[in-house]
Structure formats: C-alpha cells, structure tokens
C-alpha atoms as a PDB file:
ATOM      1  CA  UNK A   1       9.290   2.007   1.196  1.00  0.00           C
ATOM      2  CA  UNK A   2       6.973   0.553   3.810  1.00  0.00           C
ATOM      3  CA  UNK A   3       3.900   2.336   5.033  1.00  0.00           C
ATOM      4  CA  UNK A   4       3.123   2.250   8.712  1.00  0.00           C
ATOM      5  CA  UNK A   5      -0.447   2.455   9.894  1.00  0.00           C
ATOM      6  CA  UNK A   6      -0.716   5.396  12.245  1.00  0.00           C
ATOM      7  CA  UNK A   7      -4.277   5.058  13.495  1.00  0.00           C
ATOM      8  CA  UNK A   8      -6.797   2.265  13.801  1.00  0.00           C
ATOM      9  CA  UNK A   9      -9.612   2.202  11.228  1.00  0.00           C
ATOM     10  CA  UNK A  10     -12.226   2.811  13.948  1.00  0.00           C
ATOM     11  CA  UNK A  11     -10.548   6.086  14.860  1.00  0.00           C
ATOM     12  CA  UNK A  12     -10.383   7.165  11.222  1.00  0.00           C
ATOM     13  CA  UNK A  13     -14.036   6.283  10.544  1.00  0.00           C
ATOM     14  CA  UNK A  14     -15.336   8.032  13.659  1.00  0.00           C
ATOM     15  CA  UNK A  15     -13.339  11.142  12.831  1.00  0.00           C
ATOM     16  CA  UNK A  16     -14.655  11.196   9.255  1.00  0.00           C
ATOM     17  CA  UNK A  17     -18.198  10.813  10.555  1.00  0.00           C
ATOM     18  CA  UNK A  18     -17.525  13.950  12.613  1.00  0.00           C
ATOM     19  CA  UNK A  19     -16.200  15.753   9.527  1.00  0.00           C
ATOM     20  CA  UNK A  20     -19.541  15.137   7.799  1.00  0.00           C
ATOM     21  CA  UNK A  21     -21.866  15.491  10.800  1.00  0.00           C
ATOM     22  CA  UNK A  22     -20.535  18.699  12.349  1.00  0.00           C
ATOM     23  CA  UNK A  23     -21.081  20.930   9.283  1.00  0.00           C
ATOM     24  CA  UNK A  24     -24.611  19.490   8.989  1.00  0.00           C
ATOM     25  CA  UNK A  25     -25.203  20.317  12.641  1.00  0.00           C
ATOM     26  CA  UNK A  26     -23.967  23.876  12.166  1.00  0.00           C
ATOM     27  CA  UNK A  27     -25.911  24.422   8.933  1.00  0.00           C
ATOM     28  CA  UNK A  28     -29.182  23.122  10.355  1.00  0.00           C
ATOM     29  CA  UNK A  29     -28.604  25.221  13.484  1.00  0.00           C
ATOM     30  CA  UNK A  30     -28.160  28.296  11.302  1.00  0.00           C
ATOM     31  CA  UNK A  31     -31.464  27.503   9.557  1.00  0.00           C
ATOM     32  CA  UNK A  32     -33.155  27.253  12.963  1.00  0.00           C
ATOM     33  CA  UNK A  33     -31.527  30.534  13.941  1.00  0.00           C
ATOM     34  CA  UNK A  34     -32.854  32.167  10.753  1.00  0.00           C
ATOM     35  CA  UNK A  35     -36.369  31.100  11.718  1.00  0.00           C
ATOM     36  CA  UNK A  36     -36.058  32.670  15.165  1.00  0.00           C
ATOM     37  CA  UNK A  37     -32.964  34.876  15.643  1.00  0.00           C
ATOM     38  CA  UNK A  38     -34.097  36.392  18.949  1.00  0.00           C
ATOM     39  CA  UNK A  39     -32.834  33.682  21.284  1.00  0.00           C
ATOM     40  CA  UNK A  40     -32.593  36.189  24.107  1.00  0.00           C
ATOM     41  CA  UNK A  41     -35.210  36.741  26.789  1.00  0.00           C
ATOM     42  CA  UNK A  42     -38.300  38.738  25.924  1.00  0.00           C
ATOM     43  CA  UNK A  43     -37.457  42.409  25.470  1.00  0.00           C
ATOM     44  CA  UNK A  44     -33.711  41.820  25.103  1.00  0.00           C
ATOM     45  CA  UNK A  45     -31.635  41.259  21.975  1.00  0.00           C
ATOM     46  CA  UNK A  46     -29.232  38.461  21.181  1.00  0.00           C
ATOM     47  CA  UNK A  47     -25.776  39.772  22.019  1.00  0.00           C
ATOM     48  CA  UNK A  48     -23.530  38.073  19.500  1.00  0.00           C
ATOM     49  CA  UNK A  49     -25.375  38.072  16.183  1.00  0.00           C
ATOM     50  CA  UNK A  50     -22.988  39.454  13.533  1.00  0.00           C
ATOM     51  CA  UNK A  51     -25.536  39.963  10.748  1.00  0.00           C
ATOM     52  CA  UNK A  52     -27.622  42.532  12.712  1.00  0.00           C
ATOM     53  CA  UNK A  53     -31.132  42.001  11.417  1.00  0.00           C
ATOM     54  CA  UNK A  54     -30.251  40.236   8.158  1.00  0.00           C
ATOM     55  CA  UNK A  55     -30.867  36.517   7.695  1.00  0.00           C
ATOM     56  CA  UNK A  56     -27.944  34.149   7.374  1.00  0.00           C
ATOM     57  CA  UNK A  57     -27.418  33.345   3.660  1.00  0.00           C
ATOM     58  CA  UNK A  58     -29.427  30.306   2.566  1.00  0.00           C
ATOM     59  CA  UNK A  59     -26.303  28.692   1.078  1.00  0.00           C
ATOM     60  CA  UNK A  60     -24.917  28.336   4.615  1.00  0.00           C
ATOM     61  CA  UNK A  61     -28.051  26.701   6.019  1.00  0.00           C
ATOM     62  CA  UNK A  62     -29.563  23.234   5.771  1.00  0.00           C
ATOM     63  CA  UNK A  63     -32.971  21.747   6.354  1.00  0.00           C
ATOM     64  CA  UNK A  64     -35.347  23.672   4.121  1.00  0.00           C
ATOM     65  CA  UNK A  65     -37.666  25.129   6.761  1.00  0.00           C
ATOM     66  CA  UNK A  66     -37.805  25.327  10.555  1.00  0.00           C
ATOM     67  CA  UNK A  67     -39.294  21.879  11.148  1.00  0.00           C
ATOM     68  CA  UNK A  68     -37.025  20.233   8.592  1.00  0.00           C
ATOM     69  CA  UNK A  69     -33.970  21.913  10.081  1.00  0.00           C
ATOM     70  CA  UNK A  70     -34.982  20.785  13.582  1.00  0.00           C
ATOM     71  CA  UNK A  71     -35.461  17.207  12.368  1.00  0.00           C
ATOM     72  CA  UNK A  72     -32.057  17.188  10.691  1.00  0.00           C
ATOM     73  CA  UNK A  73     -30.449  18.842  13.714  1.00  0.00           C
ATOM     74  CA  UNK A  74     -31.716  16.181  16.115  1.00  0.00           C
ATOM     75  CA  UNK A  75     -31.036  13.321  13.683  1.00  0.00           C
ATOM     76  CA  UNK A  76     -27.419  14.413  13.262  1.00  0.00           C
ATOM     77  CA  UNK A  77     -27.171  14.849  17.031  1.00  0.00           C
ATOM     78  CA  UNK A  78     -27.953  11.140  17.432  1.00  0.00           C
ATOM     79  CA  UNK A  79     -25.346  10.286  14.802  1.00  0.00           C
ATOM     80  CA  UNK A  80     -22.795  12.216  16.861  1.00  0.00           C
ATOM     81  CA  UNK A  81     -23.885  10.546  20.116  1.00  0.00           C
ATOM     82  CA  UNK A  82     -23.606   7.048  18.626  1.00  0.00           C
ATOM     83  CA  UNK A  83     -20.290   7.993  17.028  1.00  0.00           C
ATOM     84  CA  UNK A  84     -18.947   9.165  20.390  1.00  0.00           C
ATOM     85  CA  UNK A  85     -20.092   5.956  22.088  1.00  0.00           C
ATOM     86  CA  UNK A  86     -18.336   3.848  19.421  1.00  0.00           C
ATOM     87  CA  UNK A  87     -15.145   5.918  19.747  1.00  0.00           C
ATOM     88  CA  UNK A  88     -15.096   5.811  23.556  1.00  0.00           C
ATOM     89  CA  UNK A  89     -15.862   2.070  23.578  1.00  0.00           C
ATOM     90  CA  UNK A  90     -12.948   1.521  21.193  1.00  0.00           C
ATOM     91  CA  UNK A  91     -10.615   3.598  23.373  1.00  0.00           C
ATOM     92  CA  UNK A  92     -11.628   1.626  26.435  1.00  0.00           C
ATOM     93  CA  UNK A  93     -11.528  -1.813  24.802  1.00  0.00           C
ATOM     94  CA  UNK A  94      -8.088  -1.312  23.263  1.00  0.00           C
ATOM     95  CA  UNK A  95      -6.563   0.479  26.236  1.00  0.00           C
ATOM     96  CA  UNK A  96      -5.872   3.584  24.217  1.00  0.00           C
ATOM     97  CA  UNK A  97      -7.544   5.739  26.861  1.00  0.00           C
ATOM     98  CA  UNK A  98      -4.198   5.648  28.665  1.00  0.00           C
ATOM     99  CA  UNK A  99      -2.757   7.836  25.905  1.00  0.00           C
ATOM    100  CA  UNK A 100      -5.366  10.506  26.677  1.00  0.00           C
ATOM    101  CA  UNK A 101      -5.274  10.301  30.475  1.00  0.00           C
ATOM    102  CA  UNK A 102      -3.147  12.949  32.179  1.00  0.00           C
ATOM    103  CA  UNK A 103       0.156  11.754  33.589  1.00  0.00           C
ATOM    104  CA  UNK A 104       2.065  12.881  36.637  1.00  0.00           C
ATOM    105  CA  UNK A 105       3.787  16.152  35.877  1.00  0.00           C
ATOM    106  CA  UNK A 106       1.512  17.142  32.972  1.00  0.00           C
ATOM    107  CA  UNK A 107      -0.031  20.033  34.905  1.00  0.00           C
ATOM    108  CA  UNK A 108       3.404  21.361  35.842  1.00  0.00           C
ATOM    109  CA  UNK A 109       4.663  21.130  32.243  1.00  0.00           C
ATOM    110  CA  UNK A 110       1.488  22.814  30.981  1.00  0.00           C
ATOM    111  CA  UNK A 111       1.979  25.650  33.456  1.00  0.00           C
ATOM    112  CA  UNK A 112       5.593  26.060  32.288  1.00  0.00           C
ATOM    113  CA  UNK A 113       4.373  26.330  28.694  1.00  0.00           C
ATOM    114  CA  UNK A 114       1.863  29.027  29.627  1.00  0.00           C
ATOM    115  CA  UNK A 115       4.438  31.192  31.364  1.00  0.00           C
END
C-alpha cells in the first residue's frame, strides 16, 4: 500500500496554526467582552448577547484580565496575519491559486445548485 501526499506541508502547517490561533482569538475576545459587554452606543444595549447580564464563563476566556486579553488578542492577530501572508505567498509561488480562482461556468453551476 502506497501513501499519496495530498497537500503540501506548508498548507498543513498554516492550517494547523489557524487551528491553534483561532480559539485563542475567540477566547481572548470573550475575555475582552466580559470586561465591557456593552459594545453598543451609549444608551442602547448590545443586540446579540445570549447570556443577558451574566458574564461569559471564565473557562471559555483567555488572557487573565482586560489588558492581558487585549495583548493576547493583538498578538494572535499578528500570528494570523503572518500565517495568511505565508499561505498566500505559497499559493502564488506554486501556482496553486489557479485551483481557487473561479472558472468559466462556475457561477452558472452554482446557480443551478441553489435552485
């Protein structure tokens, strides 16, 4: 039995970086939200907050306190930016962007799927 490599190692690494970075981004964002849940304008309430006045459980947050959460949030943001640049540079350098570019007839086939 022979194994065939399905994806390049750069693609795998950049995707795994996302797997680690995105939950950290969400968790630090939830900590920031706990510190100030009223992201609406003055006098209005935030429309989509499911916990209605209760803080998000600490087990779902990351960063320790507001400043720590903001530092982690922005640090992980830069990890994601650099990761995206590496991934896009790889796609361009290896010509794999052609796999992602729309082809003639794609819009028509997509519309047929929707109907």
